[in-house]
């Protein structure tokens, strides 16, 4: 949805709020360390990042112990990033072994 702007003329970004059930903190930390430079090169970044002690309510059917907001310049940048073979290799090697469940809580232009 490129082309969206705020009233001030500032470009609006594509954002996602994501909840994870991280089962291997060490592998997940390595995943984040390796994928972050690719994310930043794609114009993306993390706006918020939380470790969660307890899930009080959720529709996903699993606990969440990590919650973050990730942003991209637009939806196309998001799709390119997640399809990048370098990212896919990091994901297969680290993320898939470190995360038991993923929930996309919201996607929006902000």
PDB file of N, CA and C in Angstrom:
ATOM      1  N   UNK A   1       0.826  -1.176   0.000  1.00  0.00           N
ATOM      2  CA  UNK A   1       0.000   0.000   0.000  1.00  0.00           C
ATOM      3  C   UNK A   1       0.872   1.242   0.000  1.00  0.00           C
ATOM      4  N   UNK A   2       1.821   1.247  -0.890  1.00  0.00           N
ATOM      5  CA  UNK A   2       2.711   2.389  -1.011  1.00  0.00           C
ATOM      6  C   UNK A   2       1.899   3.610  -1.391  1.00  0.00           C
ATOM      7  N   UNK A   3       2.411   4.764  -1.023  1.00  0.00           N
ATOM      8  CA  UNK A   3       1.745   5.987  -1.399  1.00  0.00           C
ATOM      9  C   UNK A   3       0.897   6.594  -0.300  1.00  0.00           C
ATOM     10  N   UNK A   4       0.683   5.900   0.787  1.00  0.00           N
ATOM     11  CA  UNK A   4      -0.086   6.450   1.891  1.00  0.00           C
ATOM     12  C   UNK A   4       0.762   7.458   2.658  1.00  0.00           C
ATOM     13  N   UNK A   5       0.152   8.581   3.014  1.00  0.00           N
ATOM     14  CA  UNK A   5       0.854   9.591   3.808  1.00  0.00           C
ATOM     15  C   UNK A   5      -0.044  10.069   4.928  1.00  0.00           C
ATOM     16  N   UNK A   6       0.609  10.582   5.971  1.00  0.00           N
ATOM     17  CA  UNK A   6      -0.124  11.235   7.051  1.00  0.00           C
ATOM     18  C   UNK A   6      -0.532  12.616   6.559  1.00  0.00           C
ATOM     19  N   UNK A   7      -1.348  13.298   7.303  1.00  0.00           N
ATOM     20  CA  UNK A   7      -1.767  14.653   6.958  1.00  0.00           C
ATOM     21  C   UNK A   7      -0.592  15.596   6.763  1.00  0.00           C
ATOM     22  N   UNK A   8       0.519  15.336   7.448  1.00  0.00           N
ATOM     23  CA  UNK A   8       1.713  16.173   7.345  1.00  0.00           C
ATOM     24  C   UNK A   8       2.500  15.899   6.075  1.00  0.00           C
ATOM     25  N   UNK A   9       2.100  14.885   5.293  1.00  0.00           N
ATOM     26  CA  UNK A   9       2.831  14.514   4.096  1.00  0.00           C
ATOM     27  C   UNK A   9       3.884  13.457   4.360  1.00  0.00           C
ATOM     28  N   UNK A  10       4.089  13.096   5.631  1.00  0.00           N
ATOM     29  CA  UNK A  10       5.067  12.068   6.005  1.00  0.00           C
ATOM     30  C   UNK A  10       4.553  10.703   5.555  1.00  0.00           C
ATOM     31  N   UNK A  11       5.439   9.908   4.937  1.00  0.00           N
ATOM     32  CA  UNK A  11       5.051   8.572   4.478  1.00  0.00           C
ATOM     33  C   UNK A  11       4.684   7.691   5.657  1.00  0.00           C
ATOM     34  N   UNK A  12       3.666   6.857   5.461  1.00  0.00           N
ATOM     35  CA  UNK A  12       3.229   5.931   6.499  1.00  0.00           C
ATOM     36  C   UNK A  12       3.850   4.568   6.228  1.00  0.00           C
ATOM     37  N   UNK A  13       4.208   3.871   7.286  1.00  0.00           N
ATOM     38  CA  UNK A  13       4.866   2.574   7.142  1.00  0.00           C
ATOM     39  C   UNK A  13       3.871   1.433   7.340  1.00  0.00           C
ATOM     40  N   UNK A  14       4.273   0.255   6.869  1.00  0.00           N
ATOM     41  CA  UNK A  14       3.506  -0.967   7.055  1.00  0.00           C
ATOM     42  C   UNK A  14       4.030  -1.632   8.323  1.00  0.00           C
ATOM     43  N   UNK A  15       3.148  -1.931   9.267  1.00  0.00           N
ATOM     44  CA  UNK A  15       3.571  -2.459  10.556  1.00  0.00           C
ATOM     45  C   UNK A  15       2.799  -3.727  10.909  1.00  0.00           C
ATOM     46  N   UNK A  16       3.463  -4.568  11.688  1.00  0.00           N
ATOM     47  CA  UNK A  16       2.852  -5.804  12.172  1.00  0.00           C
ATOM     48  C   UNK A  16       3.142  -5.941  13.662  1.00  0.00           C
ATOM     49  N   UNK A  17       2.139  -6.332  14.427  1.00  0.00           N
ATOM     50  CA  UNK A  17       2.326  -6.707  15.824  1.00  0.00           C
ATOM     51  C   UNK A  17       2.324  -8.229  15.864  1.00  0.00           C
ATOM     52  N   UNK A  18       3.413  -8.800  16.402  1.00  0.00           N
ATOM     53  CA  UNK A  18       3.627 -10.246  16.348  1.00  0.00           C
ATOM     54  C   UNK A  18       3.847 -10.783  17.761  1.00  0.00           C
ATOM     55  N   UNK A  19       3.214 -11.906  18.068  1.00  0.00           N
ATOM     56  CA  UNK A  19       3.434 -12.610  19.326  1.00  0.00           C
ATOM     57  C   UNK A  19       4.082 -13.950  19.051  1.00  0.00           C
ATOM     58  N   UNK A  20       5.107 -14.279  19.825  1.00  0.00           N
ATOM     59  CA  UNK A  20       5.816 -15.550  19.666  1.00  0.00           C
ATOM     60  C   UNK A  20       5.818 -16.330  20.963  1.00  0.00           C
ATOM     61  N   UNK A  21       5.947 -17.633  20.838  1.00  0.00           N
ATOM     62  CA  UNK A  21       6.279 -18.501  21.955  1.00  0.00           C
ATOM     63  C   UNK A  21       7.712 -18.962  21.696  1.00  0.00           C
ATOM     64  N   UNK A  22       8.669 -18.270  22.299  1.00  0.00           N
ATOM     65  CA  UNK A  22      10.084 -18.600  22.128  1.00  0.00           C
ATOM     66  C   UNK A  22      10.421 -19.739  23.083  1.00  0.00           C
ATOM     67  N   UNK A  23      10.980 -20.824  22.528  1.00  0.00           N
ATOM     68  CA  UNK A  23      11.307 -21.994  23.338  1.00  0.00           C
ATOM     69  C   UNK A  23      12.812 -22.157  23.552  1.00  0.00           C
ATOM     70  N   UNK A  24      13.622 -21.445  22.760  1.00  0.00           N
ATOM     71  CA  UNK A  24      15.082 -21.479  22.912  1.00  0.00           C
ATOM     72  C   UNK A  24      15.589 -20.047  22.798  1.00  0.00           C
ATOM     73  N   UNK A  25      15.799 -19.410  23.951  1.00  0.00           N
ATOM     74  CA  UNK A  25      16.180 -17.996  23.984  1.00  0.00           C
ATOM     75  C   UNK A  25      17.524 -17.743  23.301  1.00  0.00           C
ATOM     76  N   UNK A  26      18.475 -18.658  23.453  1.00  0.00           N
ATOM     77  CA  UNK A  26      19.798 -18.472  22.865  1.00  0.00           C
ATOM     78  C   UNK A  26      19.737 -18.491  21.336  1.00  0.00           C
ATOM     79  N   UNK A  27      19.034 -19.468  20.771  1.00  0.00           N
ATOM     80  CA  UNK A  27      18.893 -19.537  19.312  1.00  0.00           C
ATOM     81  C   UNK A  27      18.099 -18.337  18.796  1.00  0.00           C
ATOM     82  N   UNK A  28      17.082 -17.917  19.548  1.00  0.00           N
ATOM     83  CA  UNK A  28      16.292 -16.772  19.110  1.00  0.00           C
ATOM     84  C   UNK A  28      17.150 -15.505  19.107  1.00  0.00           C
ATOM     85  N   UNK A  29      17.988 -15.323  20.115  1.00  0.00           N
ATOM     86  CA  UNK A  29      18.880 -14.161  20.151  1.00  0.00           C
ATOM     87  C   UNK A  29      19.837 -14.183  18.960  1.00  0.00           C
ATOM     88  N   UNK A  30      20.322 -15.349  18.599  1.00  0.00           N
ATOM     89  CA  UNK A  30      21.207 -15.478  17.441  1.00  0.00           C
ATOM     90  C   UNK A  30      20.442 -15.158  16.155  1.00  0.00           C
ATOM     91  N   UNK A  31      19.199 -15.641  16.056  1.00  0.00           N
ATOM     92  CA  UNK A  31      18.342 -15.324  14.908  1.00  0.00           C
ATOM     93  C   UNK A  31      18.193 -13.819  14.751  1.00  0.00           C
ATOM     94  N   UNK A  32      17.852 -13.137  15.847  1.00  0.00           N
ATOM     95  CA  UNK A  32      17.660 -11.684  15.783  1.00  0.00           C
ATOM     96  C   UNK A  32      18.946 -10.980  15.388  1.00  0.00           C
ATOM     97  N   UNK A  33      20.074 -11.420  15.921  1.00  0.00           N
ATOM     98  CA  UNK A  33      21.357 -10.792  15.596  1.00  0.00           C
ATOM     99  C   UNK A  33      21.685 -10.940  14.112  1.00  0.00           C
ATOM    100  N   UNK A  34      21.348 -12.092  13.535  1.00  0.00           N
ATOM    101  CA  UNK A  34      21.671 -12.336  12.129  1.00  0.00           C
ATOM    102  C   UNK A  34      20.669 -11.708  11.170  1.00  0.00           C
ATOM    103  N   UNK A  35      19.395 -11.641  11.542  1.00  0.00           N
ATOM    104  CA  UNK A  35      18.402 -11.117  10.614  1.00  0.00           C
ATOM    105  C   UNK A  35      18.271  -9.608  10.654  1.00  0.00           C
ATOM    106  N   UNK A  36      18.653  -8.982  11.771  1.00  0.00           N
ATOM    107  CA  UNK A  36      18.460  -7.535  11.917  1.00  0.00           C
ATOM    108  C   UNK A  36      19.194  -6.719  10.851  1.00  0.00           C
ATOM    109  N   UNK A  37      20.448  -7.027  10.507  1.00  0.00           N
ATOM    110  CA  UNK A  37      21.072  -6.253   9.427  1.00  0.00           C
ATOM    111  C   UNK A  37      20.322  -6.353   8.092  1.00  0.00           C
ATOM    112  N   UNK A  38      19.764  -7.529   7.776  1.00  0.00           N
ATOM    113  CA  UNK A  38      18.965  -7.681   6.556  1.00  0.00           C
ATOM    114  C   UNK A  38      17.690  -6.849   6.646  1.00  0.00           C
ATOM    115  N   UNK A  39      17.054  -6.872   7.807  1.00  0.00           N
ATOM    116  CA  UNK A  39      15.839  -6.099   8.034  1.00  0.00           C
ATOM    117  C   UNK A  39      16.109  -4.611   7.841  1.00  0.00           C
ATOM    118  N   UNK A  40      17.181  -4.124   8.451  1.00  0.00           N
ATOM    119  CA  UNK A  40      17.515  -2.706   8.337  1.00  0.00           C
ATOM    120  C   UNK A  40      17.873  -2.334   6.902  1.00  0.00           C
ATOM    121  N   UNK A  41      18.569  -3.225   6.191  1.00  0.00           N
ATOM    122  CA  UNK A  41      18.910  -2.963   4.789  1.00  0.00           C
ATOM    123  C   UNK A  41      17.654  -2.888   3.921  1.00  0.00           C
ATOM    124  N   UNK A  42      16.590  -3.565   4.336  1.00  0.00           N
ATOM    125  CA  UNK A  42      15.313  -3.547   3.614  1.00  0.00           C
ATOM    126  C   UNK A  42      14.463  -2.345   4.013  1.00  0.00           C
ATOM    127  N   UNK A  43      14.999  -1.486   4.878  1.00  0.00           N
ATOM    128  CA  UNK A  43      14.254  -0.307   5.325  1.00  0.00           C
ATOM    129  C   UNK A  43      13.359  -0.579   6.509  1.00  0.00           C
ATOM    130  N   UNK A  44      13.483  -1.764   7.108  1.00  0.00           N
ATOM    131  CA  UNK A  44      12.625  -2.148   8.221  1.00  0.00           C
ATOM    132  C   UNK A  44      13.300  -1.986   9.560  1.00  0.00           C
ATOM    133  N   UNK A  45      12.551  -2.289  10.599  1.00  0.00           N
ATOM    134  CA  UNK A  45      13.088  -2.225  11.946  1.00  0.00           C
ATOM    135  C   UNK A  45      12.047  -2.620  12.972  1.00  0.00           C
ATOM    136  N   UNK A  46      12.502  -2.746  14.208  1.00  0.00           N
ATOM    137  CA  UNK A  46      11.609  -3.058  15.320  1.00  0.00           C
ATOM    138  C   UNK A  46      11.261  -1.760  16.037  1.00  0.00           C
ATOM    139  N   UNK A  47       9.975  -1.463  16.166  1.00  0.00           N
ATOM    140  CA  UNK A  47       9.529  -0.268  16.889  1.00  0.00           C
ATOM    141  C   UNK A  47       9.422  -0.535  18.382  1.00  0.00           C
ATOM    142  N   UNK A  48       8.908  -1.703  18.728  1.00  0.00           N
ATOM    143  CA  UNK A  48       8.749  -2.124  20.117  1.00  0.00           C
ATOM    144  C   UNK A  48       9.146  -3.581  20.204  1.00  0.00           C
ATOM    145  N   UNK A  49       9.636  -3.992  21.375  1.00  0.00           N
ATOM    146  CA  UNK A  49      10.052  -5.380  21.574  1.00  0.00           C
ATOM    147  C   UNK A  49       9.918  -5.691  23.064  1.00  0.00           C
ATOM    148  N   UNK A  50       9.115  -6.695  23.403  1.00  0.00           N
ATOM    149  CA  UNK A  50       8.846  -7.025  24.803  1.00  0.00           C
ATOM    150  C   UNK A  50       9.059  -8.508  25.066  1.00  0.00           C
ATOM    151  N   UNK A  51       9.579  -8.831  26.230  1.00  0.00           N
ATOM    152  CA  UNK A  51       9.519 -10.183  26.757  1.00  0.00           C
ATOM    153  C   UNK A  51       8.336 -10.195  27.715  1.00  0.00           C
ATOM    154  N   UNK A  52       7.451 -11.177  27.551  1.00  0.00           N
ATOM    155  CA  UNK A  52       6.192 -11.226  28.282  1.00  0.00           C
ATOM    156  C   UNK A  52       6.263 -12.335  29.329  1.00  0.00           C
ATOM    157  N   UNK A  53       5.908 -12.011  30.573  1.00  0.00           N
ATOM    158  CA  UNK A  53       5.981 -12.986  31.662  1.00  0.00           C
ATOM    159  C   UNK A  53       4.793 -13.943  31.668  1.00  0.00           C
ATOM    160  N   UNK A  54       3.610 -13.461  31.269  1.00  0.00           N
ATOM    161  CA  UNK A  54       2.407 -14.284  31.371  1.00  0.00           C
ATOM    162  C   UNK A  54       1.368 -13.834  30.354  1.00  0.00           C
ATOM    163  N   UNK A  55       0.737 -14.786  29.690  1.00  0.00           N
ATOM    164  CA  UNK A  55      -0.355 -14.487  28.768  1.00  0.00           C
ATOM    165  C   UNK A  55      -1.663 -14.577  29.543  1.00  0.00           C
ATOM    166  N   UNK A  56      -2.410 -13.489  29.604  1.00  0.00           N
ATOM    167  CA  UNK A  56      -3.684 -13.483  30.326  1.00  0.00           C
ATOM    168  C   UNK A  56      -4.842 -13.915  29.441  1.00  0.00           C
ATOM    169  N   UNK A  57      -4.798 -13.523  28.167  1.00  0.00           N
ATOM    170  CA  UNK A  57      -5.868 -13.886  27.236  1.00  0.00           C
ATOM    171  C   UNK A  57      -5.290 -13.896  25.838  1.00  0.00           C
ATOM    172  N   UNK A  58      -5.727 -14.847  25.041  1.00  0.00           N
ATOM    173  CA  UNK A  58      -5.280 -14.909  23.665  1.00  0.00           C
ATOM    174  C   UNK A  58      -6.147 -15.845  22.865  1.00  0.00           C
ATOM    175  N   UNK A  59      -6.333 -15.535  21.604  1.00  0.00           N
ATOM    176  CA  UNK A  59      -7.163 -16.345  20.718  1.00  0.00           C
ATOM    177  C   UNK A  59      -6.351 -17.378  19.942  1.00  0.00           C
ATOM    178  N   UNK A  60      -5.015 -17.319  20.061  1.00  0.00           N
ATOM    179  CA  UNK A  60      -4.160 -18.172  19.229  1.00  0.00           C
ATOM    180  C   UNK A  60      -4.073 -19.608  19.722  1.00  0.00           C
ATOM    181  N   UNK A  61      -4.419 -19.859  20.972  1.00  0.00           N
ATOM    182  CA  UNK A  61      -4.336 -21.221  21.495  1.00  0.00           C
ATOM    183  C   UNK A  61      -2.960 -21.581  22.028  1.00  0.00           C
ATOM    184  N   UNK A  62      -2.087 -20.584  22.189  1.00  0.00           N
ATOM    185  CA  UNK A  62      -0.766 -20.823  22.772  1.00  0.00           C
ATOM    186  C   UNK A  62      -0.340 -19.580  23.543  1.00  0.00           C
ATOM    187  N   UNK A  63       0.562 -19.784  24.482  1.00  0.00           N
ATOM    188  CA  UNK A  63       1.104 -18.651  25.218  1.00  0.00           C
ATOM    189  C   UNK A  63       1.983 -17.808  24.304  1.00  0.00           C
ATOM    190  N   UNK A  64       2.206 -16.570  24.716  1.00  0.00           N
ATOM    191  CA  UNK A  64       3.113 -15.648  24.046  1.00  0.00           C
ATOM    192  C   UNK A  64       4.103 -15.171  25.090  1.00  0.00           C
ATOM    193  N   UNK A  65       5.398 -15.284  24.782  1.00  0.00           N
ATOM    194  CA  UNK A  65       6.404 -14.771  25.712  1.00  0.00           C
ATOM    195  C   UNK A  65       7.311 -13.723  25.069  1.00  0.00           C
ATOM    196  N   UNK A  66       7.041 -13.399  23.801  1.00  0.00           N
ATOM    197  CA  UNK A  66       7.757 -12.330  23.106  1.00  0.00           C
ATOM    198  C   UNK A  66       6.750 -11.611  22.235  1.00  0.00           C
ATOM    199  N   UNK A  67       6.735 -10.288  22.302  1.00  0.00           N
ATOM    200  CA  UNK A  67       5.801  -9.470  21.536  1.00  0.00           C
ATOM    201  C   UNK A  67       6.579  -8.311  20.945  1.00  0.00           C
ATOM    202  N   UNK A  68       6.362  -8.043  19.654  1.00  0.00           N
ATOM    203  CA  UNK A  68       7.070  -6.920  19.042  1.00  0.00           C
ATOM    204  C   UNK A  68       6.246  -6.316  17.920  1.00  0.00           C
ATOM    205  N   UNK A  69       6.608  -5.080  17.582  1.00  0.00           N
ATOM    206  CA  UNK A  69       6.069  -4.398  16.414  1.00  0.00           C
ATOM    207  C   UNK A  69       7.227  -4.250  15.437  1.00  0.00           C
ATOM    208  N   UNK A  70       7.043  -4.779  14.238  1.00  0.00           N
ATOM    209  CA  UNK A  70       8.044  -4.683  13.182  1.00  0.00           C
ATOM    210  C   UNK A  70       7.460  -3.805  12.084  1.00  0.00           C
ATOM    211  N   UNK A  71       8.302  -2.952  11.496  1.00  0.00           N
ATOM    212  CA  UNK A  71       7.798  -2.057  10.459  1.00  0.00           C
ATOM    213  C   UNK A  71       8.650  -2.125   9.203  1.00  0.00           C
ATOM    214  N   UNK A  72       8.006  -1.808   8.094  1.00  0.00           N
ATOM    215  CA  UNK A  72       8.627  -1.754   6.775  1.00  0.00           C
ATOM    216  C   UNK A  72       8.133  -0.487   6.081  1.00  0.00           C
ATOM    217  N   UNK A  73       8.856  -0.029   5.066  1.00  0.00           N
ATOM    218  CA  UNK A  73       8.387   1.166   4.352  1.00  0.00           C
ATOM    219  C   UNK A  73       6.998   0.980   3.737  1.00  0.00           C
ATOM    220  N   UNK A  74       6.699  -0.246   3.286  1.00  0.00           N
ATOM    221  CA  UNK A  74       5.397  -0.568   2.700  1.00  0.00           C
ATOM    222  C   UNK A  74       5.235  -2.088   2.667  1.00  0.00           C
ATOM    223  N   UNK A  75       4.060  -2.535   2.258  1.00  0.00           N
ATOM    224  CA  UNK A  75       3.782  -3.978   2.241  1.00  0.00           C
ATOM    225  C   UNK A  75       4.708  -4.723   1.272  1.00  0.00           C
ATOM    226  N   UNK A  76       5.025  -4.112   0.153  1.00  0.00           N
ATOM    227  CA  UNK A  76       5.910  -4.758  -0.828  1.00  0.00           C
ATOM    228  C   UNK A  76       7.294  -4.997  -0.226  1.00  0.00           C
ATOM    229  N   UNK A  77       7.793  -4.052   0.563  1.00  0.00           N
ATOM    230  CA  UNK A  77       9.095  -4.228   1.223  1.00  0.00           C
ATOM    231  C   UNK A  77       9.025  -5.391   2.203  1.00  0.00           C
ATOM    232  N   UNK A  78       7.906  -5.516   2.907  1.00  0.00           N
ATOM    233  CA  UNK A  78       7.708  -6.644   3.831  1.00  0.00           C
ATOM    234  C   UNK A  78       7.776  -7.964   3.069  1.00  0.00           C
ATOM    235  N   UNK A  79       7.051  -8.043   1.961  1.00  0.00           N
ATOM    236  CA  UNK A  79       7.013  -9.282   1.184  1.00  0.00           C
ATOM    237  C   UNK A  79       8.385  -9.623   0.622  1.00  0.00           C
ATOM    238  N   UNK A  80       9.124  -8.618   0.139  1.00  0.00           N
ATOM    239  CA  UNK A  80      10.477  -8.868  -0.381  1.00  0.00           C
ATOM    240  C   UNK A  80      11.394  -9.371   0.723  1.00  0.00           C
ATOM    241  N   UNK A  81      11.316  -8.763   1.903  1.00  0.00           N
ATOM    242  CA  UNK A  81      12.178  -9.167   3.012  1.00  0.00           C
ATOM    243  C   UNK A  81      11.927 -10.624   3.388  1.00  0.00           C
ATOM    244  N   UNK A  82      10.670 -11.003   3.599  1.00  0.00           N
ATOM    245  CA  UNK A  82      10.362 -12.354   4.044  1.00  0.00           C
ATOM    246  C   UNK A  82      10.586 -13.408   2.953  1.00  0.00           C
ATOM    247  N   UNK A  83      10.737 -12.992   1.690  1.00  0.00           N
ATOM    248  CA  UNK A  83      11.033 -13.914   0.594  1.00  0.00           C
ATOM    249  C   UNK A  83      12.528 -13.966   0.263  1.00  0.00           C
ATOM    250  N   UNK A  84      13.326 -13.109   0.870  1.00  0.00           N
ATOM    251  CA  UNK A  84      14.767 -13.038   0.594  1.00  0.00           C
ATOM    252  C   UNK A  84      15.429 -14.370   0.966  1.00  0.00           C
ATOM    253  N   UNK A  85      16.153 -14.998   0.040  1.00  0.00           N
ATOM    254  CA  UNK A  85      16.798 -16.289   0.335  1.00  0.00           C
ATOM    255  C   UNK A  85      17.750 -16.230   1.532  1.00  0.00           C
ATOM    256  N   UNK A  86      18.404 -15.100   1.749  1.00  0.00           N
ATOM    257  CA  UNK A  86      19.298 -14.971   2.911  1.00  0.00           C
ATOM    258  C   UNK A  86      18.491 -15.021   4.203  1.00  0.00           C
ATOM    259  N   UNK A  87      17.332 -14.341   4.215  1.00  0.00           N
ATOM    260  CA  UNK A  87      16.467 -14.393   5.401  1.00  0.00           C
ATOM    261  C   UNK A  87      15.923 -15.807   5.595  1.00  0.00           C
ATOM    262  N   UNK A  88      15.472 -16.442   4.519  1.00  0.00           N
ATOM    263  CA  UNK A  88      14.900 -17.783   4.619  1.00  0.00           C
ATOM    264  C   UNK A  88      15.901 -18.788   5.182  1.00  0.00           C
ATOM    265  N   UNK A  89      17.173 -18.625   4.835  1.00  0.00           N
ATOM    266  CA  UNK A  89      18.208 -19.520   5.369  1.00  0.00           C
ATOM    267  C   UNK A  89      18.369 -19.318   6.876  1.00  0.00           C
ATOM    268  N   UNK A  90      18.409 -18.060   7.311  1.00  0.00           N
ATOM    269  CA  UNK A  90      18.519 -17.749   8.745  1.00  0.00           C
ATOM    270  C   UNK A  90      17.292 -18.272   9.484  1.00  0.00           C
ATOM    271  N   UNK A  91      16.117 -18.062   8.905  1.00  0.00           N
ATOM    272  CA  UNK A  91      14.872 -18.521   9.529  1.00  0.00           C
ATOM    273  C   UNK A  91      14.882 -20.033   9.721  1.00  0.00           C
ATOM    274  N   UNK A  92      15.262 -20.775   8.665  1.00  0.00           N
ATOM    275  CA  UNK A  92      15.265 -22.245   8.745  1.00  0.00           C
ATOM    276  C   UNK A  92      16.281 -22.736   9.773  1.00  0.00           C
ATOM    277  N   UNK A  93      17.419 -22.109   9.824  1.00  0.00           N
ATOM    278  CA  UNK A  93      18.504 -22.557  10.702  1.00  0.00           C
ATOM    279  C   UNK A  93      18.274 -22.184  12.159  1.00  0.00           C
ATOM    280  N   UNK A  94      17.640 -21.051  12.431  1.00  0.00           N
ATOM    281  CA  UNK A  94      17.535 -20.564  13.812  1.00  0.00           C
ATOM    282  C   UNK A  94      16.101 -20.378  14.306  1.00  0.00           C
ATOM    283  N   UNK A  95      15.303 -19.598  13.568  1.00  0.00           N
ATOM    284  CA  UNK A  95      13.953 -19.260  14.032  1.00  0.00           C
ATOM    285  C   UNK A  95      13.101 -20.510  14.226  1.00  0.00           C
ATOM    286  N   UNK A  96      13.111 -21.394  13.246  1.00  0.00           N
ATOM    287  CA  UNK A  96      12.243 -22.571  13.316  1.00  0.00           C
ATOM    288  C   UNK A  96      12.613 -23.513  14.460  1.00  0.00           C
ATOM    289  N   UNK A  97      13.852 -23.455  14.919  1.00  0.00           N
ATOM    290  CA  UNK A  97      14.284 -24.272  16.056  1.00  0.00           C
ATOM    291  C   UNK A  97      14.067 -23.551  17.385  1.00  0.00           C
ATOM    292  N   UNK A  98      13.900 -22.227  17.340  1.00  0.00           N
ATOM    293  CA  UNK A  98      13.814 -21.423  18.559  1.00  0.00           C
ATOM    294  C   UNK A  98      12.396 -21.021  18.941  1.00  0.00           C
ATOM    295  N   UNK A  99      11.457 -21.122  18.008  1.00  0.00           N
ATOM    296  CA  UNK A  99      10.102 -20.602  18.232  1.00  0.00           C
ATOM    297  C   UNK A  99       9.087 -21.727  18.067  1.00  0.00           C
ATOM    298  N   UNK A 100       8.262 -21.907  19.094  1.00  0.00           N
ATOM    299  CA  UNK A 100       7.245 -22.950  19.070  1.00  0.00           C
ATOM    300  C   UNK A 100       5.957 -22.540  18.398  1.00  0.00           C
ATOM    301  N   UNK A 101       5.654 -21.231  18.374  1.00  0.00           N
ATOM    302  CA  UNK A 101       4.411 -20.758  17.767  1.00  0.00           C
ATOM    303  C   UNK A 101       4.534 -19.270  17.458  1.00  0.00           C
ATOM    304  N   UNK A 102       3.844 -18.859  16.398  1.00  0.00           N
ATOM    305  CA  UNK A 102       3.839 -17.467  15.955  1.00  0.00           C
ATOM    306  C   UNK A 102       2.400 -17.026  15.727  1.00  0.00           C
ATOM    307  N   UNK A 103       2.071 -15.827  16.180  1.00  0.00           N
ATOM    308  CA  UNK A 103       0.756 -15.246  15.947  1.00  0.00           C
ATOM    309  C   UNK A 103       0.921 -13.832  15.427  1.00  0.00           C
ATOM    310  N   UNK A 104       0.343 -13.549  14.257  1.00  0.00           N
ATOM    311  CA  UNK A 104       0.280 -12.175  13.768  1.00  0.00           C
ATOM    312  C   UNK A 104      -0.959 -11.571  14.428  1.00  0.00           C
ATOM    313  N   UNK A 105      -0.740 -10.672  15.369  1.00  0.00           N
ATOM    314  CA  UNK A 105      -1.851 -10.088  16.121  1.00  0.00           C
ATOM    315  C   UNK A 105      -2.552  -9.011  15.304  1.00  0.00           C
ATOM    316  N   UNK A 106      -1.766  -8.211  14.579  1.00  0.00           N
ATOM    317  CA  UNK A 106      -2.350  -7.144  13.756  1.00  0.00           C
ATOM    318  C   UNK A 106      -1.366  -6.754  12.665  1.00  0.00           C
ATOM    319  N   UNK A 107      -1.918  -6.307  11.538  1.00  0.00           N
ATOM    320  CA  UNK A 107      -1.138  -5.721  10.450  1.00  0.00           C
ATOM    321  C   UNK A 107      -1.847  -4.427  10.091  1.00  0.00           C
ATOM    322  N   UNK A 108      -1.076  -3.357   9.882  1.00  0.00           N
ATOM    323  CA  UNK A 108      -1.696  -2.063   9.661  1.00  0.00           C
ATOM    324  C   UNK A 108      -0.716  -1.075   9.046  1.00  0.00           C
ATOM    325  N   UNK A 109      -1.247  -0.007   8.521  1.00  0.00           N
ATOM    326  CA  UNK A 109      -0.438   1.109   8.033  1.00  0.00           C
ATOM    327  C   UNK A 109      -0.453   2.159   9.125  1.00  0.00           C
ATOM    328  N   UNK A 110       0.735   2.570   9.551  1.00  0.00           N
ATOM    329  CA  UNK A 110       0.801   3.511  10.680  1.00  0.00           C
ATOM    330  C   UNK A 110       1.772   4.624  10.480  1.00  0.00           C
TER     331      UNK A 110
END
